[in-house]
Amino acid sequence: MDTIQRFRAAVAEGDLDALRDLLAPGIRLFTPAKTAPLKGRALFLGVFDVLIRRVFDDFHCVGEVHGTAENSEGRKGSTHILIFRAKISGRLAHGINLVHLDDNGLIEELTVMVRPQVAVDALWDAMLEGIRAEGRPRPLARSTS
């Protein structure tokens, strides 16, 4: 099973330990709410824990595209687009996870894109509520640019 198949299975099962094994140490997570990435495994896993357990309902992957593209740092490599649908606070969301792998096959960068805007707003509100409920530090501050 390759990294992307294992990633999809870990997300579907909510298995953060399996997910941890797929992440490069300096992973960068780009969210719809921030212009700068969240960096590092611990922060990535904290955000994904809240997403998987508290934010997304009926999360399911509906397609996948793969090829080669540049990451945010200009390095060209294996890239996968995972197309998903989910409900966030009862609102239907359609989105993609843009996943870049490093030379070792680990996830070095993940960009989450969600539409429509009402789903992005629901995602933001649900994430903040989940982070507060979990007693986690607040890694997100909405960017204005």
Protein backbone atom coordinates (compact mmCIF):
# COMPACT_ATOMS: atom_id res chain seq x y z
CA MET A 1 0.00 0.00 0.00
CA ASP A 2 1.50 3.36 -0.99
CA THR A 3 1.56 6.57 1.07
CA ILE A 4 -1.61 8.01 -0.47
CA GLN A 5 -3.60 4.80 0.05
CA ARG A 6 -2.36 4.66 3.64
CA PHE A 7 -3.23 8.37 4.11
CA ARG A 8 -6.76 7.81 2.83
CA ALA A 9 -7.20 4.78 5.12
CA ALA A 10 -5.80 6.63 8.17
CA VAL A 11 -8.15 9.59 7.62
CA ALA A 12 -11.15 7.31 7.01
CA GLU A 13 -10.40 5.37 10.21
CA GLY A 14 -9.38 8.41 12.27
CA ASP A 15 -6.06 6.69 12.98
CA LEU A 16 -3.64 9.44 14.00
CA ASP A 17 -0.83 6.99 14.78
CA ALA A 18 -0.95 5.64 11.22
CA LEU A 19 -1.14 9.20 9.93
CA ARG A 20 1.92 10.26 11.98
CA ASP A 21 4.03 7.62 10.22
CA LEU A 22 3.24 9.19 6.82
CA LEU A 23 4.33 12.74 7.68
CA ALA A 24 7.71 14.33 7.02
CA PRO A 25 9.05 15.97 10.21
CA GLY A 26 8.73 19.49 8.78
CA ILE A 27 5.34 18.99 7.15
CA ARG A 28 3.54 22.15 6.09
CA LEU A 29 -0.26 22.41 6.28
CA PHE A 30 -1.98 25.15 4.30
CA THR A 31 -5.55 25.84 5.43
CA PRO A 32 -8.35 27.97 3.95
CA ALA A 33 -8.03 30.32 6.95
CA LYS A 34 -4.33 31.23 6.81
CA THR A 35 -1.88 32.44 4.22
CA ALA A 36 1.13 31.01 6.08
CA PRO A 37 1.38 27.25 6.63
CA LEU A 38 1.15 25.48 9.97
CA LYS A 39 4.44 23.62 10.38
CA GLY A 40 5.43 20.35 12.04
CA ARG A 41 3.92 16.97 12.81
CA ALA A 42 2.48 17.88 16.23
CA LEU A 43 0.53 20.86 14.91
CA PHE A 44 -0.61 18.95 11.83
CA LEU A 45 -1.85 16.03 13.93
CA GLY A 46 -3.60 18.35 16.40
CA VAL A 47 -5.52 20.04 13.60
CA PHE A 48 -6.36 16.77 11.86
CA ASP A 49 -7.52 15.22 15.13
CA VAL A 50 -10.07 17.99 15.55
CA LEU A 51 -11.08 17.78 11.88
CA ILE A 52 -11.54 14.02 11.89
CA ARG A 53 -13.30 13.68 15.25
CA ARG A 54 -15.24 16.94 15.59
CA VAL A 55 -15.62 18.85 12.32
CA PHE A 56 -16.25 16.57 9.35
CA ASP A 57 -19.33 14.36 9.13
CA ASP A 58 -19.67 11.82 6.35
CA PHE A 59 -16.19 12.61 5.02
CA HIS A 60 -15.48 10.56 1.91
CA CYS A 61 -13.03 10.70 -0.94
CA VAL A 62 -14.74 10.79 -4.35
CA GLY A 63 -11.69 10.89 -6.61
CA GLU A 64 -7.95 11.16 -6.99
CA VAL A 65 -5.61 12.71 -9.54
CA HIS A 66 -1.85 12.31 -9.45
CA GLY A 67 1.16 13.61 -11.31
CA THR A 68 4.09 15.94 -10.79
CA ALA A 69 3.94 19.56 -9.60
CA GLU A 70 5.91 22.09 -7.58
CA ASN A 71 5.27 22.48 -3.88
CA SER A 72 5.20 25.88 -2.15
CA GLU A 73 9.00 25.91 -1.99
CA GLY A 74 9.43 25.25 -5.71
CA ARG A 75 10.51 21.61 -5.40
CA LYS A 76 9.00 19.45 -8.11
CA GLY A 77 7.79 16.03 -7.06
CA SER A 78 5.02 13.50 -6.72
CA THR A 79 1.71 15.29 -6.18
CA HIS A 80 -1.79 13.95 -5.53
CA ILE A 81 -5.14 15.68 -5.50
CA LEU A 82 -7.68 13.91 -3.29
CA ILE A 83 -11.21 15.12 -4.00
CA PHE A 84 -13.61 14.89 -1.06
CA ARG A 85 -17.09 15.67 0.12
CA ALA A 86 -18.21 16.07 3.70
CA LYS A 87 -20.73 17.81 5.90
CA ILE A 88 -19.61 20.55 8.25
CA SER A 89 -22.24 21.65 10.77
CA GLY A 90 -24.87 20.23 8.42
CA ARG A 91 -23.52 22.12 5.39
CA LEU A 92 -22.30 20.23 2.34
CA ALA A 93 -18.64 20.91 1.56
CA HIS A 94 -16.72 19.95 -1.52
CA GLY A 95 -12.95 20.15 -1.44
CA ILE A 96 -9.53 18.87 -2.27
CA ASN A 97 -6.44 17.88 -0.36
CA LEU A 98 -3.40 18.75 -2.46
CA VAL A 99 -0.67 16.40 -1.23
CA HIS A 100 3.03 16.72 -2.07
CA LEU A 101 5.38 13.85 -1.23
CA ASP A 102 9.09 14.20 -0.46
CA ASP A 103 11.82 12.02 -1.96
CA ASN A 104 11.23 9.43 0.78
CA GLY A 105 7.52 9.14 -0.04
CA LEU A 106 6.43 11.06 3.08
CA ILE A 107 3.87 13.86 3.02
CA GLU A 108 5.85 17.10 3.09
CA GLU A 109 2.99 19.47 2.30
CA LEU A 110 -0.79 19.35 2.33
CA THR A 111 -3.07 22.13 1.14
CA VAL A 112 -6.77 21.97 2.01
CA MET A 113 -9.22 23.81 -0.25
CA VAL A 114 -12.95 23.89 0.51
CA ARG A 115 -15.99 25.40 -1.17
CA PRO A 116 -18.54 27.02 -1.01
CA GLN A 117 -17.77 30.00 1.23
CA VAL A 118 -20.54 29.03 3.66
CA ALA A 119 -18.73 25.70 4.18
CA VAL A 120 -15.41 27.51 4.74
CA ASP A 121 -17.08 29.68 7.38
CA ALA A 122 -18.65 26.60 9.02
CA LEU A 123 -15.24 24.88 8.91
CA TRP A 124 -13.60 27.86 10.63
CA ASP A 125 -16.26 28.01 13.36
CA ALA A 126 -16.23 24.24 13.95
CA MET A 127 -12.42 24.15 14.12
CA LEU A 128 -12.29 26.92 16.72
CA GLU A 129 -15.04 25.26 18.76
CA GLY A 130 -13.24 21.90 18.55
CA ILE A 131 -9.90 23.40 19.54
CA ARG A 132 -11.50 25.12 22.55
CA ALA A 133 -13.35 21.94 23.56
CA GLU A 134 -10.12 19.93 23.34
CA GLY A 135 -8.23 22.53 25.40
CA ARG A 136 -5.64 22.77 22.64
CA PRO A 137 -3.55 25.85 21.91
CA ARG A 138 -5.08 27.94 19.16
CA PRO A 139 -2.87 27.41 16.07
CA LEU A 140 -5.18 29.32 13.75
CA ALA A 141 -5.75 33.00 13.44
CA ARG A 142 -7.76 34.05 10.44
CA SER A 143 -5.60 35.84 7.90
CA THR A 144 -6.91 39.00 6.35
CA SER A 145 -4.76 38.84 3.23
